[in-house]
Amino acid sequence: MTSSFTQKATIVASPLLILFAFALPLSTSAGSILAILLILTWVTSGNMVEKFGEILRNPVAIAVLVYIFLHILGLLWTEDIEWGLEILKKQWKLLLFPVFLTIARKEHTKYYMAAFIAAIFLKACKAYLVWLGIISLPPSSIFTTLGTTHVMYNPMLALACYILLQNLLFAESKTIDKALQVGLLVFLSCNMFITAGRTGQAAFFVLLAVALFQYFYKLSKGKLLVALLLLPLAITATYQFSTTFKNRVDLAITEIQEYKSQRITSVGLRVWFYKNTLHVIKENWPTGAGTGDYPVEYAKVNKIHSPALPNTDNPHNQYLLVLSQFGLAGLVSLISIFFCQFVMAVKQKDALTPLRQAFPIFFLLIMLAESYLMVYGTGFLFSLFSAFLYKKYS
């Protein structure tokens, strides 16, 4: 009986991971429920010695566990233990990565990606319906990503566009499949610029540059140069033809120019978050302020340098956050996760290689604009994609 239950848990685990990939862009609640079910199947499917062996042999998993351990260690010199435990609790999304790592199956990788893209397609459809006025937004809302914040949606959309593009460039497909993928890529790319997520839009262009480099580098250096030179023209054309993109770029420039007025604006606040956090880092440079003391330390600095602005518990920059919490050790630990991903991308040569190379670039970029390993949806995204991309398949 026990053996039969264990076998069923093992069989159902990877299909549940496919469902998780589909739920991820659509609903954080559904994602959480499926994550709990995945943990339960992981525990009940047995073979724990084998699973822990696989985790401990994986460099990315080790780097992630060290990063989480640093959050535990940082409680030793934090004064606000309550907030420190809250920050530690937020790392559970990253702890899913070792679990997913042992669940992921090579033959299902295309289904994980297909489920994710299908969900993004449904979100894009809803955004188009808002844009066309068929679905109404709440009063004063400027975002067409109804039901999902643009902070999560647009980076996910950028990643989905890259997956489709690299599939078109590197994978062998039937003509009809390629035509469908081209249509879907155009559909999603246009959606990127009727929605308001600037971080995702920046990621879109960077990933486009990465894809062009990956494709043309070995093919022709001359064609690569031409392709990269055409990229600024594509950005300029998008700026001219997309009202939403143009308005968001212009607004960002204006808010940067006027940030010293200490008026509460999206970009202006971020500039002050960055400046004030640098003061926190300077005053706590050897070991950081600890896991839970960033809000307290920030409030002290904010009172001196920008008293008209609100305090924060997140500088909206992953690098500054870990530097303020743990000093240089925090930054080294964070960077080591993505360094290990790059190393594994070099060593493992298969159809997933382009995405393995692009994924750390994607995260290293978006973390400049938000603490994305702590954000709910993108924390899940990191664990899911890292699991099937950096698993050592036998």
Protein backbone atom coordinates (compact mmCIF):
# COMPACT_ATOMS: atom_id res chain seq x y z
CA MET A 1 0.00 0.00 0.00
CA THR A 2 2.75 2.43 1.03
CA SER A 3 4.82 1.49 -2.03
CA SER A 4 1.83 2.09 -4.32
CA PHE A 5 1.18 5.53 -2.77
CA THR A 6 4.87 6.44 -3.18
CA GLN A 7 4.78 5.42 -6.85
CA LYS A 8 1.67 7.52 -7.48
CA ALA A 9 3.27 10.54 -5.80
CA THR A 10 6.36 10.12 -7.99
CA ILE A 11 4.28 9.84 -11.17
CA VAL A 12 2.08 12.87 -10.42
CA ALA A 13 4.93 15.21 -9.36
CA SER A 14 6.12 16.37 -12.80
CA PRO A 15 2.58 16.87 -14.22
CA LEU A 16 1.89 19.00 -11.12
CA LEU A 17 4.99 21.03 -12.00
CA ILE A 18 3.50 21.61 -15.47
CA LEU A 19 0.30 22.86 -13.83
CA PHE A 20 2.41 25.08 -11.58
CA ALA A 21 4.09 26.59 -14.67
CA PHE A 22 0.63 27.35 -16.10
CA ALA A 23 -0.73 28.81 -12.84
CA LEU A 24 2.34 30.97 -12.17
CA PRO A 25 1.46 33.97 -14.39
CA LEU A 26 -2.29 33.65 -13.75
CA SER A 27 -2.78 33.37 -10.00
CA THR A 28 -0.45 33.58 -7.00
CA SER A 29 -3.04 31.74 -4.91
CA ALA A 30 -3.18 28.81 -7.35
CA GLY A 31 0.62 28.88 -7.53
CA SER A 32 0.88 28.67 -3.74
CA ILE A 33 -1.58 25.76 -3.53
CA LEU A 34 0.27 23.84 -6.25
CA ALA A 35 3.61 24.60 -4.58
CA ILE A 36 2.32 23.03 -1.34
CA LEU A 37 1.02 20.01 -3.26
CA LEU A 38 4.43 19.66 -4.95
CA ILE A 39 6.15 19.72 -1.57
CA LEU A 40 3.78 17.01 -0.30
CA THR A 41 4.39 14.79 -3.34
CA TRP A 42 8.14 15.39 -2.96
CA VAL A 43 8.05 14.21 0.66
CA THR A 44 5.71 11.26 0.10
CA SER A 45 7.49 9.96 -3.01
CA GLY A 46 10.45 8.87 -0.88
CA ASN A 47 14.06 8.35 -2.09
CA MET A 48 15.16 11.24 0.14
CA VAL A 49 18.83 10.17 0.23
CA GLU A 50 18.91 10.17 -3.57
CA LYS A 51 17.13 13.55 -3.71
CA PHE A 52 19.45 15.24 -1.23
CA GLY A 53 22.40 13.74 -3.09
CA GLU A 54 21.20 15.35 -6.33
CA ILE A 55 20.69 18.70 -4.55
CA LEU A 56 24.15 18.65 -2.97
CA ARG A 57 25.79 17.79 -6.30
CA ASN A 58 24.20 20.79 -8.02
CA PRO A 59 26.26 24.02 -7.85
CA VAL A 60 23.24 26.30 -8.34
CA ALA A 61 21.33 24.56 -5.54
CA ILE A 62 24.31 24.91 -3.20
CA ALA A 63 24.61 28.63 -4.05
CA VAL A 64 20.89 29.16 -3.37
CA LEU A 65 21.09 27.29 -0.03
CA VAL A 66 24.12 29.38 1.00
CA TYR A 67 22.19 32.54 0.12
CA ILE A 68 19.25 31.41 2.29
CA PHE A 69 21.60 30.37 5.10
CA LEU A 70 23.03 33.90 5.07
CA HIS A 71 19.53 35.17 5.91
CA ILE A 72 19.49 32.82 8.93
CA LEU A 73 22.99 33.89 9.96
CA GLY A 74 22.01 37.55 9.62
CA LEU A 75 19.50 37.13 12.45
CA LEU A 76 22.47 36.98 14.85
CA TRP A 77 23.23 40.69 14.47
CA THR A 78 19.78 42.04 13.69
CA GLU A 79 17.84 43.95 16.36
CA ASP A 80 14.41 43.64 14.77
CA ILE A 81 14.07 39.85 15.01
CA GLU A 82 10.38 39.96 14.10
CA TRP A 83 11.03 41.62 10.73
CA GLY A 84 14.09 39.44 10.24
CA LEU A 85 11.91 36.33 10.55
CA GLU A 86 9.44 37.88 8.11
CA ILE A 87 12.25 38.39 5.57
CA LEU A 88 13.44 34.83 6.18
CA LYS A 89 9.90 33.54 5.59
CA LYS A 90 9.89 35.26 2.17
CA GLN A 91 12.78 33.00 1.08
CA TRP A 92 10.51 29.93 0.95
CA LYS A 93 9.99 30.60 -2.75
CA LEU A 94 13.70 30.01 -3.33
CA LEU A 95 13.62 26.86 -1.21
CA LEU A 96 11.24 25.44 -3.80
CA PHE A 97 14.13 25.31 -6.27
CA PRO A 98 15.87 22.26 -4.70
CA VAL A 99 12.47 20.54 -4.48
CA PHE A 100 11.62 21.30 -8.12
CA LEU A 101 15.14 20.26 -9.14
CA THR A 102 14.52 16.66 -8.09
CA ILE A 103 11.03 16.63 -9.63
CA ALA A 104 11.85 18.05 -13.09
CA ARG A 105 12.06 15.55 -15.94
CA LYS A 106 13.95 16.15 -19.16
CA GLU A 107 11.16 14.84 -21.38
CA HIS A 108 8.77 17.37 -19.80
CA THR A 109 10.88 20.52 -20.26
CA LYS A 110 8.95 21.52 -23.40
CA TYR A 111 5.70 21.17 -21.46
CA TYR A 112 6.91 23.40 -18.60
CA MET A 113 7.73 26.12 -21.12
CA ALA A 114 4.57 25.57 -23.19
CA ALA A 115 2.36 25.80 -20.08
CA PHE A 116 4.08 29.01 -19.02
CA ILE A 117 3.69 30.59 -22.48
CA ALA A 118 0.03 29.48 -22.69
CA ALA A 119 -0.69 31.29 -19.41
CA ILE A 120 1.15 34.41 -20.61
CA PHE A 121 -0.95 34.26 -23.80
CA LEU A 122 -4.16 34.28 -21.71
CA LYS A 123 -2.89 37.26 -19.69
CA ALA A 124 -1.99 39.06 -22.92
CA CYS A 125 -5.51 38.43 -24.27
CA LYS A 126 -6.96 40.04 -21.17
CA ALA A 127 -4.60 43.01 -21.54
CA TYR A 128 -5.73 43.49 -25.16
CA LEU A 129 -9.37 43.38 -24.05
CA VAL A 130 -8.63 46.14 -21.52
CA TRP A 131 -6.78 48.13 -24.19
CA LEU A 132 -9.75 47.79 -26.57
CA GLY A 133 -12.15 48.93 -23.84
CA ILE A 134 -14.03 45.62 -23.68
CA ILE A 135 -12.91 45.08 -20.06
CA SER A 136 -13.03 48.09 -17.76
CA LEU A 137 -10.23 48.98 -15.38
CA PRO A 138 -10.74 50.29 -11.85
CA PRO A 139 -10.85 54.13 -11.71
CA SER A 140 -7.43 55.86 -11.89
CA SER A 141 -5.63 52.67 -12.97
CA ILE A 142 -3.21 53.08 -15.90
CA PHE A 143 -2.16 49.43 -16.14
CA THR A 144 -3.74 46.99 -18.57
CA THR A 145 -2.43 43.93 -16.73
CA LEU A 146 -5.70 43.41 -14.88
CA GLY A 147 -5.33 40.84 -12.10
CA THR A 148 -1.51 40.77 -12.23
CA THR A 149 0.80 43.63 -11.37
CA HIS A 150 2.95 44.93 -14.21
CA VAL A 151 5.94 44.46 -11.89
CA MET A 152 5.57 40.68 -12.40
CA TYR A 153 3.75 40.47 -15.72
CA ASN A 154 6.08 42.37 -18.04
CA PRO A 155 9.31 40.58 -17.03
CA MET A 156 7.48 37.24 -17.46
CA LEU A 157 6.21 38.46 -20.83
CA ALA A 158 9.77 39.36 -21.88
CA LEU A 159 10.97 35.88 -20.95
CA ALA A 160 8.11 34.26 -22.86
CA CYS A 161 9.01 36.30 -25.97
CA TYR A 162 12.64 35.20 -25.69
CA ILE A 163 11.66 31.52 -25.39
CA LEU A 164 9.60 31.78 -28.57
CA LEU A 165 12.37 33.64 -30.41
CA GLN A 166 15.13 31.23 -29.43
CA ASN A 167 12.87 28.35 -30.41
CA LEU A 168 12.41 29.90 -33.86
CA LEU A 169 16.15 30.51 -34.23
CA PHE A 170 17.58 27.28 -32.86
CA ALA A 171 14.95 24.52 -32.91
CA GLU A 172 13.86 22.41 -35.85
CA SER A 173 10.10 22.74 -36.39
CA LYS A 174 7.51 22.12 -39.07
CA THR A 175 6.55 25.10 -41.22
CA ILE A 176 3.10 25.38 -39.66
CA ASP A 177 4.60 25.27 -36.14
CA LYS A 178 7.02 28.04 -37.04
CA ALA A 179 4.20 30.14 -38.50
CA LEU A 180 2.18 29.75 -35.29
CA GLN A 181 5.20 30.68 -33.17
CA VAL A 182 5.91 33.76 -35.30
CA GLY A 183 2.29 34.86 -34.92
CA LEU A 184 2.38 34.31 -31.16
CA LEU A 185 5.70 36.15 -30.85
CA VAL A 186 4.30 39.18 -32.69
CA PHE A 187 1.11 39.04 -30.58
CA LEU A 188 3.08 39.00 -27.30
CA SER A 189 5.69 41.54 -28.45
CA CYS A 190 2.99 44.08 -29.32
CA ASN A 191 1.38 43.40 -25.94
CA MET A 192 4.66 44.35 -24.27
CA PHE A 193 4.26 47.92 -25.47
CA ILE A 194 0.61 48.50 -24.65
CA THR A 195 1.33 47.59 -21.02
CA ALA A 196 3.19 49.75 -18.57
CA GLY A 197 6.03 47.66 -17.13
CA ARG A 198 9.28 49.48 -17.91
CA THR A 199 11.48 46.77 -16.39
CA GLY A 200 9.93 44.13 -18.63
CA GLN A 201 10.31 46.39 -21.65
CA ALA A 202 14.01 46.86 -20.91
CA ALA A 203 14.37 43.09 -20.44
CA PHE A 204 12.63 42.54 -23.80
CA PHE A 205 15.24 44.56 -25.69
CA VAL A 206 18.18 43.08 -23.75
CA LEU A 207 16.95 39.52 -24.40
CA LEU A 208 16.45 40.44 -28.06
CA ALA A 209 20.11 41.51 -28.18
CA VAL A 210 21.12 38.26 -26.46
CA ALA A 211 19.17 36.18 -28.99
CA LEU A 212 20.72 38.05 -31.93
CA PHE A 213 24.20 37.58 -30.46
CA GLN A 214 23.62 33.86 -29.87
CA TYR A 215 22.34 33.33 -33.40
CA PHE A 216 24.74 35.45 -35.46
CA TYR A 217 27.98 35.11 -33.43
CA LYS A 218 29.08 31.84 -35.04
CA LEU A 219 27.18 32.43 -38.27
CA SER A 220 28.65 35.80 -39.29
CA LYS A 221 30.31 38.58 -37.27
CA GLY A 222 29.27 41.08 -39.96
CA LYS A 223 25.60 40.10 -39.75
CA LEU A 224 25.83 40.23 -35.94
CA LEU A 225 27.14 43.80 -36.10
CA VAL A 226 24.36 44.83 -38.49
CA ALA A 227 21.71 43.18 -36.30
CA LEU A 228 22.98 44.91 -33.15
CA LEU A 229 23.18 48.26 -34.93
CA LEU A 230 19.55 47.85 -36.04
CA LEU A 231 18.44 47.29 -32.43
CA PRO A 232 18.57 51.02 -31.47
CA LEU A 233 16.44 51.70 -34.56
CA ALA A 234 13.89 49.17 -33.31
CA ILE A 235 13.82 50.89 -29.90
CA THR A 236 13.42 54.30 -31.57
CA ALA A 237 10.60 53.00 -33.77
CA THR A 238 8.85 51.52 -30.75
CA TYR A 239 9.19 54.86 -28.96
CA GLN A 240 7.59 56.65 -31.92
CA PHE A 241 4.72 54.25 -32.50
CA SER A 242 3.80 53.05 -28.99
CA THR A 243 2.05 55.79 -27.03
CA THR A 244 2.25 53.81 -23.79
CA PHE A 245 5.98 53.14 -24.18
CA LYS A 246 6.69 56.77 -25.13
CA ASN A 247 4.68 58.16 -22.22
CA ARG A 248 6.34 55.82 -19.71
CA VAL A 249 9.84 56.66 -20.97
CA ASP A 250 9.12 60.41 -20.97
CA LEU A 251 7.62 60.20 -17.49
CA ALA A 252 10.67 58.34 -16.17
CA ILE A 253 13.02 61.02 -17.58
CA THR A 254 10.92 63.82 -16.09
CA GLU A 255 10.74 62.14 -12.68
CA ILE A 256 14.52 61.61 -12.62
CA GLN A 257 15.11 65.27 -13.47
CA GLU A 258 12.72 66.40 -10.71
CA TYR A 259 13.60 63.88 -7.98
CA LYS A 260 15.33 66.51 -5.78
CA SER A 261 11.98 68.21 -5.19
CA GLN A 262 11.09 65.16 -3.02
CA ARG A 263 7.72 64.92 -4.74
CA ILE A 264 6.31 61.39 -4.50
CA THR A 265 6.70 59.81 -7.95
CA SER A 266 7.50 56.24 -9.02
CA VAL A 267 11.00 56.87 -10.39
CA GLY A 268 11.74 59.77 -8.05
CA LEU A 269 11.10 57.55 -5.02
CA ARG A 270 13.40 54.88 -6.44
CA VAL A 271 16.22 57.39 -6.86
CA TRP A 272 15.89 58.34 -3.20
CA PHE A 273 15.62 54.68 -2.18
CA TYR A 274 18.92 54.00 -3.96
CA LYS A 275 20.70 57.07 -2.54
CA ASN A 276 19.51 56.50 1.02
CA THR A 277 20.29 52.78 0.87
CA LEU A 278 23.86 53.61 -0.17
CA HIS A 279 24.10 55.64 3.06
CA VAL A 280 22.81 52.60 4.99
CA ILE A 281 25.44 50.41 3.30
CA LYS A 282 28.19 52.93 4.06
CA GLU A 283 27.27 53.02 7.75
CA ASN A 284 27.01 49.20 8.03
CA TRP A 285 29.57 48.15 5.42
CA PRO A 286 31.44 45.27 7.16
CA THR A 287 28.54 42.88 7.79
CA GLY A 288 25.43 44.84 6.83
CA ALA A 289 22.59 45.77 9.16
CA GLY A 290 21.37 42.18 9.51
CA THR A 291 18.40 40.32 8.07
CA GLY A 292 15.71 42.47 9.70
CA ASP A 293 17.18 45.91 10.37
CA TYR A 294 17.00 47.51 6.91
CA PRO A 295 13.67 49.36 7.61
CA VAL A 296 15.00 50.82 10.87
CA GLU A 297 18.32 51.88 9.36
CA TYR A 298 16.61 53.31 6.28
CA ALA A 299 14.23 55.38 8.44
CA LYS A 300 17.23 56.99 10.20
CA VAL A 301 18.83 57.99 6.91
CA ASN A 302 15.54 59.04 5.31
CA LYS A 303 14.81 61.41 8.20
CA ILE A 304 18.05 63.27 7.45
CA HIS A 305 18.20 63.28 3.65
CA SER A 306 14.58 63.07 2.41
CA PRO A 307 12.20 63.74 5.32
CA ALA A 308 9.28 64.58 3.00
CA LEU A 309 9.28 61.06 1.58
CA PRO A 310 7.93 57.80 3.11
CA ASN A 311 10.14 55.12 4.63
CA THR A 312 10.52 51.74 2.95
CA ASP A 313 11.41 48.14 3.73
CA ASN A 314 12.61 47.47 0.16
CA PRO A 315 14.95 49.64 -1.94
CA HIS A 316 13.55 48.07 -5.14
CA ASN A 317 17.01 46.80 -6.03
CA GLN A 318 18.13 43.27 -5.08
CA TYR A 319 21.83 44.19 -5.02
CA LEU A 320 21.39 47.16 -2.69
CA LEU A 321 19.09 45.14 -0.44
CA VAL A 322 21.56 42.31 0.16
CA LEU A 323 24.48 44.76 0.54
CA SER A 324 22.54 46.64 3.21
CA GLN A 325 21.60 43.39 4.97
CA PHE A 326 24.81 41.35 4.78
CA GLY A 327 27.56 43.59 3.38
CA LEU A 328 29.92 42.30 0.71
CA ALA A 329 29.20 38.67 1.67
CA GLY A 330 25.58 39.19 0.64
CA LEU A 331 26.50 40.54 -2.78
CA VAL A 332 29.02 37.74 -3.38
CA SER A 333 26.44 35.14 -2.36
CA LEU A 334 23.81 36.65 -4.67
CA ILE A 335 26.14 36.90 -7.68
CA SER A 336 27.44 33.36 -7.10
CA ILE A 337 23.97 31.94 -7.85
CA PHE A 338 24.02 33.37 -11.35
CA PHE A 339 27.72 32.66 -11.85
CA CYS A 340 26.98 28.98 -11.22
CA GLN A 341 24.15 29.17 -13.75
CA PHE A 342 26.54 30.60 -16.36
CA VAL A 343 29.07 27.84 -15.64
CA MET A 344 26.45 25.13 -16.03
CA ALA A 345 25.21 26.78 -19.24
CA VAL A 346 28.73 26.45 -20.67
CA LYS A 347 29.07 22.81 -19.63
CA GLN A 348 25.65 21.50 -20.71
CA LYS A 349 25.17 21.55 -24.49
CA ASP A 350 21.66 20.76 -25.74
CA ALA A 351 18.50 22.47 -27.00
CA LEU A 352 18.17 24.39 -23.70
CA THR A 353 21.65 25.98 -23.93
CA PRO A 354 20.50 29.38 -25.33
CA LEU A 355 17.88 29.74 -22.59
CA ARG A 356 20.40 28.61 -19.94
CA GLN A 357 22.70 31.41 -21.06
CA ALA A 358 19.96 34.05 -21.26
CA PHE A 359 18.17 33.29 -17.97
CA PRO A 360 20.86 34.64 -15.59
CA ILE A 361 21.28 37.75 -17.80
CA PHE A 362 17.52 38.27 -17.55
CA PHE A 363 17.51 38.08 -13.75
CA LEU A 364 20.70 40.10 -13.27
CA LEU A 365 19.06 42.87 -15.29
CA ILE A 366 15.60 42.98 -13.71
CA MET A 367 17.07 42.86 -10.19
CA LEU A 368 18.40 46.38 -10.83
CA ALA A 369 14.82 47.65 -10.69
CA GLU A 370 13.26 45.46 -7.98
CA SER A 371 14.16 42.85 -5.37
CA TYR A 372 12.79 40.20 -7.71
CA LEU A 373 13.97 37.15 -5.75
CA MET A 374 11.70 38.37 -2.95
CA VAL A 375 8.71 39.26 -5.17
CA TYR A 376 6.15 36.46 -5.03
CA GLY A 377 5.67 35.60 -8.69
CA THR A 378 9.24 36.11 -9.86
CA GLY A 379 10.57 34.15 -6.88
CA PHE A 380 8.44 31.23 -8.11
CA LEU A 381 9.64 31.92 -11.66
CA PHE A 382 13.28 31.69 -10.59
CA SER A 383 12.74 28.37 -8.81
CA LEU A 384 10.76 26.81 -11.66
CA PHE A 385 13.08 27.72 -14.53
CA SER A 386 16.28 27.13 -12.56
CA ALA A 387 15.05 23.63 -11.71
CA PHE A 388 14.63 22.32 -15.25
CA LEU A 389 17.37 24.45 -16.85
CA TYR A 390 20.20 23.63 -14.42
CA LYS A 391 19.32 20.06 -13.47
CA LYS A 392 22.08 17.59 -14.33
CA TYR A 393 20.17 15.21 -16.58
CA SER A 394 21.65 11.75 -16.81
